[in-house]
Amino acid sequence: MTDNSTIILKNVTITYPNGVEGIKNISFALPKNTVTSIIGASGSGKTTLLRSFNLLHELYPNIKKEGEINWNGKNQLEMNILDLRKKVGMIFQDPISFPHVNIFDNVIFGYALNGIKLTKQQKQEVVEKNLVEVGLWDEVCDMLNKKPTILTRNQQQRLGIARTLAMNPEIILMDNPVNLMDNQGVVVIEDLIHRLKLNHTILLIPKNINEAARVSDYMVYLEKGELIEFRPTNDMLVNPKDPRTELFIIRNNQ
């Protein structure tokens, strides 16, 4: 475990009500300001692991959680959910925008949801700063009073990222954020991920191995809920230690 680790997992196990362990006794240390891709076959535990970082799995009743996810001296598995989610943002496969409010209010929706009041000037500053951050300001600055339904899929995804960034999270979770995007949209989001890691720690379920290679510093390989390897991306791709990892990479890199 290194001093620059922002997140340390210790023996984390998430068990569903039917007794199935989504992830089993997982431990690793995640350095800050890096991108880590979580790879594995369908049902390997990728989503369960990703959601454990902001307790999203607790939307379902009778989930059992064991172990620790230590971050800034606190165990995330025991933190107040609302406090935790202010610091751990989540981006899903499908863009999430709120069609009943305009683009401007979409960006600051988290403040309203948490009862945080901002002055008119503060709202303007938050909206502009975060739309600039995701490269969307020049595209939408003249239509901030319009509903987000007029935006493309890529623009809506970046709007969702801007809304997440507006709450100043330290950790950003991304579940295949380029799902169903064309090549240009993929490039825009991947470039954004590279910029965001300068100030945030990112965990990503990538679209495929090639995307993981392009954007991530580290890779986690899961199989049936178990951690098989956690290594720097280039090391894992070039010289995986476990034959199960090597087989998965070969099969999914064709």
C-alpha atoms as a PDB file:
ATOM      1  CA  MET A   1       0.000   0.000   0.000  1.00  0.00           C
ATOM      2  CA  THR A   2       1.537   3.322  -1.047  1.00  0.00           C
ATOM      3  CA  ASP A   3       1.309   6.756   0.532  1.00  0.00           C
ATOM      4  CA  ASN A   4      -0.218   8.299  -2.567  1.00  0.00           C
ATOM      5  CA  SER A   5      -3.170   5.894  -2.601  1.00  0.00           C
ATOM      6  CA  THR A   6      -6.463   7.711  -2.451  1.00  0.00           C
ATOM      7  CA  ILE A   7      -8.550   4.528  -2.162  1.00  0.00           C
ATOM      8  CA  ILE A   8      -7.582   1.305  -0.422  1.00  0.00           C
ATOM      9  CA  LEU A   9      -9.862  -1.702  -0.672  1.00  0.00           C
ATOM     10  CA  LYS A  10      -9.533  -4.313   2.067  1.00  0.00           C
ATOM     11  CA  ASN A  11     -11.350  -7.636   1.754  1.00  0.00           C
ATOM     12  CA  VAL A  12     -14.436  -6.117   0.122  1.00  0.00           C
ATOM     13  CA  THR A  13     -17.302  -8.573  -0.411  1.00  0.00           C
ATOM     14  CA  ILE A  14     -20.774  -7.661  -1.676  1.00  0.00           C
ATOM     15  CA  THR A  15     -23.424 -10.371  -1.287  1.00  0.00           C
ATOM     16  CA  TYR A  16     -26.863 -10.214  -2.886  1.00  0.00           C
ATOM     17  CA  PRO A  17     -30.055 -11.417  -1.140  1.00  0.00           C
ATOM     18  CA  ASN A  18     -29.962 -14.729  -3.044  1.00  0.00           C
ATOM     19  CA  GLY A  19     -26.589 -15.463  -1.460  1.00  0.00           C
ATOM     20  CA  VAL A  20     -24.555 -14.794  -4.603  1.00  0.00           C
ATOM     21  CA  GLU A  21     -21.358 -12.863  -3.953  1.00  0.00           C
ATOM     22  CA  GLY A  22     -21.092 -10.130  -6.570  1.00  0.00           C
ATOM     23  CA  ILE A  23     -17.493  -9.477  -5.582  1.00  0.00           C
ATOM     24  CA  LYS A  24     -15.424 -11.672  -3.281  1.00  0.00           C
ATOM     25  CA  ASN A  25     -12.768 -10.538  -0.812  1.00  0.00           C
ATOM     26  CA  ILE A  26     -11.215  -7.907  -3.096  1.00  0.00           C
ATOM     27  CA  SER A  27      -8.188  -5.864  -1.998  1.00  0.00           C
ATOM     28  CA  PHE A  28      -6.025  -3.351  -3.871  1.00  0.00           C
ATOM     29  CA  ALA A  29      -4.694   0.210  -3.538  1.00  0.00           C
ATOM     30  CA  LEU A  30      -5.725   2.790  -6.124  1.00  0.00           C
ATOM     31  CA  PRO A  31      -3.403   5.793  -6.689  1.00  0.00           C
ATOM     32  CA  LYS A  32      -5.040   9.197  -6.953  1.00  0.00           C
ATOM     33  CA  ASN A  33      -5.367  11.136 -10.220  1.00  0.00           C
ATOM     34  CA  THR A  34      -5.323   7.986 -12.313  1.00  0.00           C
ATOM     35  CA  VAL A  35      -7.774   6.142 -14.562  1.00  0.00           C
ATOM     36  CA  THR A  36      -8.421   2.508 -13.700  1.00  0.00           C
ATOM     37  CA  SER A  37     -10.329   0.261 -16.106  1.00  0.00           C
ATOM     38  CA  ILE A  38     -12.320  -2.659 -14.708  1.00  0.00           C
ATOM     39  CA  ILE A  39     -12.441  -5.502 -17.217  1.00  0.00           C
ATOM     40  CA  GLY A  40     -13.994  -8.961 -17.253  1.00  0.00           C
ATOM     41  CA  ALA A  41     -16.722 -11.018 -18.863  1.00  0.00           C
ATOM     42  CA  SER A  42     -20.412 -10.335 -18.353  1.00  0.00           C
ATOM     43  CA  GLY A  43     -21.318 -11.326 -14.786  1.00  0.00           C
ATOM     44  CA  SER A  44     -17.729 -11.034 -13.554  1.00  0.00           C
ATOM     45  CA  GLY A  45     -18.597  -8.350 -10.982  1.00  0.00           C
ATOM     46  CA  LYS A  46     -17.509  -5.226 -12.848  1.00  0.00           C
ATOM     47  CA  THR A  47     -20.670  -3.235 -12.162  1.00  0.00           C
ATOM     48  CA  THR A  48     -20.906  -4.454  -8.564  1.00  0.00           C
ATOM     49  CA  LEU A  49     -17.332  -3.329  -7.905  1.00  0.00           C
ATOM     50  CA  LEU A  50     -17.863   0.039  -9.574  1.00  0.00           C
ATOM     51  CA  ARG A  51     -21.092   0.734  -7.682  1.00  0.00           C
ATOM     52  CA  SER A  52     -19.561  -0.251  -4.346  1.00  0.00           C
ATOM     53  CA  PHE A  53     -17.536   2.963  -4.434  1.00  0.00           C
ATOM     54  CA  ASN A  54     -20.651   5.112  -4.002  1.00  0.00           C
ATOM     55  CA  LEU A  55     -22.927   2.506  -2.393  1.00  0.00           C
ATOM     56  CA  LEU A  56     -25.228   2.491  -5.401  1.00  0.00           C
ATOM     57  CA  HIS A  57     -25.907  -1.198  -4.808  1.00  0.00           C
ATOM     58  CA  GLU A  58     -27.822  -0.158  -1.683  1.00  0.00           C
ATOM     59  CA  LEU A  59     -30.727   0.810  -3.905  1.00  0.00           C
ATOM     60  CA  TYR A  60     -31.541  -2.884  -3.617  1.00  0.00           C
ATOM     61  CA  PRO A  61     -32.748  -4.280  -0.248  1.00  0.00           C
ATOM     62  CA  ASN A  62     -30.852  -6.757   1.923  1.00  0.00           C
ATOM     63  CA  ILE A  63     -27.454  -6.299   0.287  1.00  0.00           C
ATOM     64  CA  LYS A  64     -24.660  -7.458   2.599  1.00  0.00           C
ATOM     65  CA  LYS A  65     -21.362  -5.566   2.482  1.00  0.00           C
ATOM     66  CA  GLU A  66     -18.136  -6.576   4.178  1.00  0.00           C
ATOM     67  CA  GLY A  67     -14.635  -5.151   4.297  1.00  0.00           C
ATOM     68  CA  GLU A  68     -13.418  -1.587   3.858  1.00  0.00           C
ATOM     69  CA  ILE A  69     -13.015   1.000   1.116  1.00  0.00           C
ATOM     70  CA  ASN A  70     -10.763   3.505   2.862  1.00  0.00           C
ATOM     71  CA  TRP A  71     -10.575   7.003   1.445  1.00  0.00           C
ATOM     72  CA  ASN A  72      -9.417  10.174   3.209  1.00  0.00           C
ATOM     73  CA  GLY A  73      -9.367   8.301   6.507  1.00  0.00           C
ATOM     74  CA  LYS A  74     -12.941   7.036   6.233  1.00  0.00           C
ATOM     75  CA  ASN A  75     -14.483   3.730   5.267  1.00  0.00           C
ATOM     76  CA  GLN A  76     -16.810   4.488   2.360  1.00  0.00           C
ATOM     77  CA  LEU A  77     -18.917   1.438   3.128  1.00  0.00           C
ATOM     78  CA  GLU A  78     -19.926   3.083   6.418  1.00  0.00           C
ATOM     79  CA  MET A  79     -20.336   6.692   5.248  1.00  0.00           C
ATOM     80  CA  ASN A  80     -23.628   8.549   4.970  1.00  0.00           C
ATOM     81  CA  ILE A  81     -24.808   7.915   1.407  1.00  0.00           C
ATOM     82  CA  LEU A  82     -25.684  11.538   0.632  1.00  0.00           C
ATOM     83  CA  ASP A  83     -22.341  12.813   1.935  1.00  0.00           C
ATOM     84  CA  LEU A  84     -20.492  10.130  -0.008  1.00  0.00           C
ATOM     85  CA  ARG A  85     -22.219  10.819  -3.309  1.00  0.00           C
ATOM     86  CA  LYS A  86     -21.276  14.481  -3.155  1.00  0.00           C
ATOM     87  CA  LYS A  87     -17.669  13.350  -3.457  1.00  0.00           C
ATOM     88  CA  VAL A  88     -18.110  10.289  -5.653  1.00  0.00           C
ATOM     89  CA  GLY A  89     -19.885  11.015  -8.938  1.00  0.00           C
ATOM     90  CA  MET A  90     -21.385   8.435 -11.285  1.00  0.00           C
ATOM     91  CA  ILE A  91     -21.709   8.492 -15.086  1.00  0.00           C
ATOM     92  CA  PHE A  92     -23.876   5.782 -16.626  1.00  0.00           C
ATOM     93  CA  GLN A  93     -23.958   4.112 -20.067  1.00  0.00           C
ATOM     94  CA  ASP A  94     -26.924   6.201 -21.150  1.00  0.00           C
ATOM     95  CA  PRO A  95     -26.768   9.984 -20.720  1.00  0.00           C
ATOM     96  CA  ILE A  96     -28.869  11.206 -17.822  1.00  0.00           C
ATOM     97  CA  SER A  97     -30.389  14.633 -18.316  1.00  0.00           C
ATOM     98  CA  PHE A  98     -33.500  16.087 -16.780  1.00  0.00           C
ATOM     99  CA  PRO A  99     -35.857  17.014 -19.635  1.00  0.00           C
ATOM    100  CA  HIS A 100     -38.156  19.075 -17.416  1.00  0.00           C
ATOM    101  CA  VAL A 101     -35.457  21.694 -16.747  1.00  0.00           C
ATOM    102  CA  ASN A 102     -33.215  23.622 -19.125  1.00  0.00           C
ATOM    103  CA  ILE A 103     -29.529  23.061 -19.829  1.00  0.00           C
ATOM    104  CA  PHE A 104     -28.477  25.719 -17.315  1.00  0.00           C
ATOM    105  CA  ASP A 105     -30.457  24.142 -14.483  1.00  0.00           C
ATOM    106  CA  ASN A 106     -29.290  20.662 -15.458  1.00  0.00           C
ATOM    107  CA  VAL A 107     -25.725  21.629 -14.581  1.00  0.00           C
ATOM    108  CA  ILE A 108     -26.640  22.860 -11.090  1.00  0.00           C
ATOM    109  CA  PHE A 109     -29.312  20.221 -10.442  1.00  0.00           C
ATOM    110  CA  GLY A 110     -27.185  18.600  -7.731  1.00  0.00           C
ATOM    111  CA  TYR A 111     -27.206  21.785  -5.687  1.00  0.00           C
ATOM    112  CA  ALA A 112     -30.986  22.003  -5.786  1.00  0.00           C
ATOM    113  CA  LEU A 113     -31.287  18.310  -4.981  1.00  0.00           C
ATOM    114  CA  ASN A 114     -29.111  18.729  -1.893  1.00  0.00           C
ATOM    115  CA  GLY A 115     -30.760  21.956  -0.786  1.00  0.00           C
ATOM    116  CA  ILE A 116     -27.634  24.040  -1.389  1.00  0.00           C
ATOM    117  CA  LYS A 117     -28.505  27.624  -2.265  1.00  0.00           C
ATOM    118  CA  LEU A 118     -26.406  29.616  -4.712  1.00  0.00           C
ATOM    119  CA  THR A 119     -26.567  33.265  -5.677  1.00  0.00           C
ATOM    120  CA  LYS A 120     -27.337  34.162  -9.291  1.00  0.00           C
ATOM    121  CA  GLN A 121     -23.669  34.959  -9.880  1.00  0.00           C
ATOM    122  CA  GLN A 122     -22.543  31.703  -8.270  1.00  0.00           C
ATOM    123  CA  LYS A 123     -24.921  29.736 -10.468  1.00  0.00           C
ATOM    124  CA  GLN A 124     -23.566  31.430 -13.582  1.00  0.00           C
ATOM    125  CA  GLU A 125     -19.986  30.732 -12.535  1.00  0.00           C
ATOM    126  CA  VAL A 126     -20.665  27.062 -11.765  1.00  0.00           C
ATOM    127  CA  VAL A 127     -22.495  26.499 -15.042  1.00  0.00           C
ATOM    128  CA  GLU A 128     -19.902  28.203 -17.236  1.00  0.00           C
ATOM    129  CA  LYS A 129     -16.902  26.669 -15.469  1.00  0.00           C
ATOM    130  CA  ASN A 130     -18.144  23.111 -15.791  1.00  0.00           C
ATOM    131  CA  LEU A 131     -19.486  23.409 -19.323  1.00  0.00           C
ATOM    132  CA  VAL A 132     -16.079  24.777 -20.320  1.00  0.00           C
ATOM    133  CA  GLU A 133     -14.438  21.851 -18.501  1.00  0.00           C
ATOM    134  CA  VAL A 134     -16.296  19.307 -20.644  1.00  0.00           C
ATOM    135  CA  GLY A 135     -15.846  21.300 -23.860  1.00  0.00           C
ATOM    136  CA  LEU A 136     -19.541  22.089 -24.154  1.00  0.00           C
ATOM    137  CA  TRP A 137     -19.717  25.808 -23.415  1.00  0.00           C
ATOM    138  CA  ASP A 138     -19.110  27.040 -26.964  1.00  0.00           C
ATOM    139  CA  GLU A 139     -21.693  24.572 -28.274  1.00  0.00           C
ATOM    140  CA  VAL A 140     -24.538  25.499 -25.909  1.00  0.00           C
ATOM    141  CA  CYS A 141     -23.814  28.962 -24.483  1.00  0.00           C
ATOM    142  CA  ASP A 142     -26.492  30.526 -26.685  1.00  0.00           C
ATOM    143  CA  MET A 143     -29.189  28.022 -25.734  1.00  0.00           C
ATOM    144  CA  LEU A 144     -28.821  27.530 -21.989  1.00  0.00           C
ATOM    145  CA  ASN A 145     -32.548  28.149 -21.574  1.00  0.00           C
ATOM    146  CA  LYS A 146     -33.391  25.260 -23.919  1.00  0.00           C
ATOM    147  CA  LYS A 147     -34.271  21.732 -22.795  1.00  0.00           C
ATOM    148  CA  PRO A 148     -31.438  19.161 -23.095  1.00  0.00           C
ATOM    149  CA  THR A 149     -33.518  17.044 -25.473  1.00  0.00           C
ATOM    150  CA  ILE A 150     -32.197  19.198 -28.342  1.00  0.00           C
ATOM    151  CA  LEU A 151     -28.642  17.952 -27.687  1.00  0.00           C
ATOM    152  CA  THR A 152     -26.908  15.005 -29.336  1.00  0.00           C
ATOM    153  CA  ARG A 153     -26.138  11.874 -27.330  1.00  0.00           C
ATOM    154  CA  ASN A 154     -22.508  12.944 -26.953  1.00  0.00           C
ATOM    155  CA  GLN A 155     -23.531  16.424 -25.805  1.00  0.00           C
ATOM    156  CA  GLN A 156     -26.019  14.987 -23.302  1.00  0.00           C
ATOM    157  CA  GLN A 157     -23.320  12.713 -21.876  1.00  0.00           C
ATOM    158  CA  ARG A 158     -20.970  15.665 -21.455  1.00  0.00           C
ATOM    159  CA  LEU A 159     -23.798  17.639 -19.862  1.00  0.00           C
ATOM    160  CA  GLY A 160     -24.178  14.822 -17.341  1.00  0.00           C
ATOM    161  CA  ILE A 161     -20.438  14.909 -16.665  1.00  0.00           C
ATOM    162  CA  ALA A 162     -20.618  18.696 -16.198  1.00  0.00           C
ATOM    163  CA  ARG A 163     -23.411  18.210 -13.646  1.00  0.00           C
ATOM    164  CA  THR A 164     -21.265  15.636 -11.834  1.00  0.00           C
ATOM    165  CA  LEU A 165     -18.224  17.930 -11.853  1.00  0.00           C
ATOM    166  CA  ALA A 166     -20.294  20.826 -10.500  1.00  0.00           C
ATOM    167  CA  MET A 167     -20.451  19.048  -7.126  1.00  0.00           C
ATOM    168  CA  ASN A 168     -16.628  18.933  -6.980  1.00  0.00           C
ATOM    169  CA  PRO A 169     -16.237  15.158  -6.654  1.00  0.00           C
ATOM    170  CA  GLU A 170     -12.866  13.638  -5.919  1.00  0.00           C
ATOM    171  CA  ILE A 171     -13.759  10.318  -7.528  1.00  0.00           C
ATOM    172  CA  ILE A 172     -15.683   9.768 -10.778  1.00  0.00           C
ATOM    173  CA  LEU A 173     -17.190   6.406 -11.684  1.00  0.00           C
ATOM    174  CA  MET A 174     -17.925   5.745 -15.367  1.00  0.00           C
ATOM    175  CA  ASP A 175     -19.909   2.770 -16.671  1.00  0.00           C
ATOM    176  CA  ASN A 176     -19.147   2.565 -20.417  1.00  0.00           C
ATOM    177  CA  PRO A 177     -19.745   6.294 -21.026  1.00  0.00           C
ATOM    178  CA  VAL A 178     -19.233   5.954 -24.795  1.00  0.00           C
ATOM    179  CA  ASN A 179     -21.990   3.383 -25.248  1.00  0.00           C
ATOM    180  CA  LEU A 180     -23.665   3.661 -28.693  1.00  0.00           C
ATOM    181  CA  MET A 181     -21.541   6.682 -29.695  1.00  0.00           C
ATOM    182  CA  ASP A 182     -19.939   7.142 -33.089  1.00  0.00           C
ATOM    183  CA  ASN A 183     -16.154   7.347 -33.439  1.00  0.00           C
ATOM    184  CA  GLN A 184     -16.103  11.136 -33.118  1.00  0.00           C
ATOM    185  CA  GLY A 185     -18.135  10.982 -29.902  1.00  0.00           C
ATOM    186  CA  VAL A 186     -15.803   8.320 -28.489  1.00  0.00           C
ATOM    187  CA  VAL A 187     -12.748  10.507 -29.190  1.00  0.00           C
ATOM    188  CA  VAL A 188     -14.354  13.509 -27.465  1.00  0.00           C
ATOM    189  CA  ILE A 189     -15.201  11.530 -24.313  1.00  0.00           C
ATOM    190  CA  GLU A 190     -11.824   9.795 -24.167  1.00  0.00           C
ATOM    191  CA  ASP A 191      -9.993  13.118 -24.522  1.00  0.00           C
ATOM    192  CA  LEU A 192     -12.159  14.440 -21.698  1.00  0.00           C
ATOM    193  CA  ILE A 193     -11.230  11.471 -19.472  1.00  0.00           C
ATOM    194  CA  HIS A 194      -7.528  12.255 -19.996  1.00  0.00           C
ATOM    195  CA  ARG A 195      -8.108  15.859 -18.881  1.00  0.00           C
ATOM    196  CA  LEU A 196     -10.296  14.963 -15.920  1.00  0.00           C
ATOM    197  CA  LYS A 197      -7.708  12.713 -14.304  1.00  0.00           C
ATOM    198  CA  LEU A 198      -5.534  15.752 -13.636  1.00  0.00           C
ATOM    199  CA  ASN A 199      -7.929  16.650 -10.818  1.00  0.00           C
ATOM    200  CA  HIS A 200      -9.950  13.479 -10.242  1.00  0.00           C
ATOM    201  CA  THR A 201      -9.524   9.757  -9.689  1.00  0.00           C
ATOM    202  CA  ILE A 202     -11.521   7.816 -12.288  1.00  0.00           C
ATOM    203  CA  LEU A 203     -12.794   4.239 -12.302  1.00  0.00           C
ATOM    204  CA  LEU A 204     -14.088   3.096 -15.657  1.00  0.00           C
ATOM    205  CA  ILE A 205     -15.849   0.117 -17.139  1.00  0.00           C
ATOM    206  CA  PRO A 206     -14.561   0.543 -20.708  1.00  0.00           C
ATOM    207  CA  LYS A 207     -16.361  -0.311 -23.912  1.00  0.00           C
ATOM    208  CA  ASN A 208     -13.608  -2.781 -24.821  1.00  0.00           C
ATOM    209  CA  ILE A 209      -9.955  -3.677 -24.281  1.00  0.00           C
ATOM    210  CA  ASN A 210      -8.801  -1.142 -26.873  1.00  0.00           C
ATOM    211  CA  GLU A 211     -10.476   1.699 -25.024  1.00  0.00           C
ATOM    212  CA  ALA A 212      -8.960   0.517 -21.743  1.00  0.00           C
ATOM    213  CA  ALA A 213      -5.537   0.594 -23.396  1.00  0.00           C
ATOM    214  CA  ARG A 214      -6.073   4.142 -24.663  1.00  0.00           C
ATOM    215  CA  VAL A 215      -7.336   5.819 -21.506  1.00  0.00           C
ATOM    216  CA  SER A 216      -6.359   3.882 -18.392  1.00  0.00           C
ATOM    217  CA  ASP A 217      -3.267   3.858 -16.218  1.00  0.00           C
ATOM    218  CA  TYR A 218      -4.261   0.694 -14.355  1.00  0.00           C
ATOM    219  CA  MET A 219      -6.469  -2.289 -15.058  1.00  0.00           C
ATOM    220  CA  VAL A 220      -8.476  -4.573 -12.795  1.00  0.00           C
ATOM    221  CA  TYR A 221      -9.390  -7.985 -14.172  1.00  0.00           C
ATOM    222  CA  LEU A 222     -12.306  -9.781 -12.489  1.00  0.00           C
ATOM    223  CA  GLU A 223     -13.588 -13.294 -12.977  1.00  0.00           C
ATOM    224  CA  LYS A 224     -16.707 -14.579 -11.204  1.00  0.00           C
ATOM    225  CA  GLY A 225     -16.438 -11.829  -8.627  1.00  0.00           C
ATOM    226  CA  GLU A 226     -12.791 -12.504  -7.833  1.00  0.00           C
ATOM    227  CA  LEU A 227      -9.868 -10.155  -8.426  1.00  0.00           C
ATOM    228  CA  ILE A 228      -7.457 -11.953 -10.742  1.00  0.00           C
ATOM    229  CA  GLU A 229      -5.045  -9.078 -11.430  1.00  0.00           C
ATOM    230  CA  PHE A 230      -4.583  -5.388 -10.675  1.00  0.00           C
ATOM    231  CA  ARG A 231      -1.615  -3.915 -12.528  1.00  0.00           C
ATOM    232  CA  PRO A 232      -0.488  -0.961 -14.666  1.00  0.00           C
ATOM    233  CA  THR A 233      -2.320  -1.158 -17.972  1.00  0.00           C
ATOM    234  CA  ASN A 234       0.713  -1.669 -20.200  1.00  0.00           C
ATOM    235  CA  ASP A 235       2.115  -4.377 -17.926  1.00  0.00           C
ATOM    236  CA  MET A 236      -1.165  -6.279 -17.917  1.00  0.00           C
ATOM    237  CA  LEU A 237      -1.631  -6.056 -21.678  1.00  0.00           C
ATOM    238  CA  VAL A 238       1.956  -6.941 -22.587  1.00  0.00           C
ATOM    239  CA  ASN A 239       2.823  -9.419 -19.847  1.00  0.00           C
ATOM    240  CA  PRO A 240      -0.162 -10.590 -17.798  1.00  0.00           C
ATOM    241  CA  LYS A 241       0.845 -12.663 -14.781  1.00  0.00           C
ATOM    242  CA  ASP A 242      -2.181 -14.935 -14.679  1.00  0.00           C
ATOM    243  CA  PRO A 243      -3.056 -17.198 -17.649  1.00  0.00           C
ATOM    244  CA  ARG A 244      -6.744 -16.398 -17.126  1.00  0.00           C
ATOM    245  CA  THR A 245      -6.006 -12.724 -17.730  1.00  0.00           C
ATOM    246  CA  GLU A 246      -3.957 -13.518 -20.820  1.00  0.00           C
ATOM    247  CA  LEU A 247      -6.742 -15.686 -22.243  1.00  0.00           C
ATOM    248  CA  PHE A 248      -9.361 -12.964 -21.667  1.00  0.00           C
ATOM    249  CA  ILE A 249      -7.194 -10.306 -23.320  1.00  0.00           C
ATOM    250  CA  ILE A 250      -6.494 -12.519 -26.340  1.00  0.00           C
ATOM    251  CA  ARG A 251     -10.159 -13.359 -26.802  1.00  0.00           C
ATOM    252  CA  ASN A 252     -11.271  -9.740 -26.495  1.00  0.00           C
ATOM    253  CA  ASN A 253      -8.523  -8.083 -28.509  1.00  0.00           C
ATOM    254  CA  GLN A 254      -9.324  -9.526 -31.907  1.00  0.00           C
END
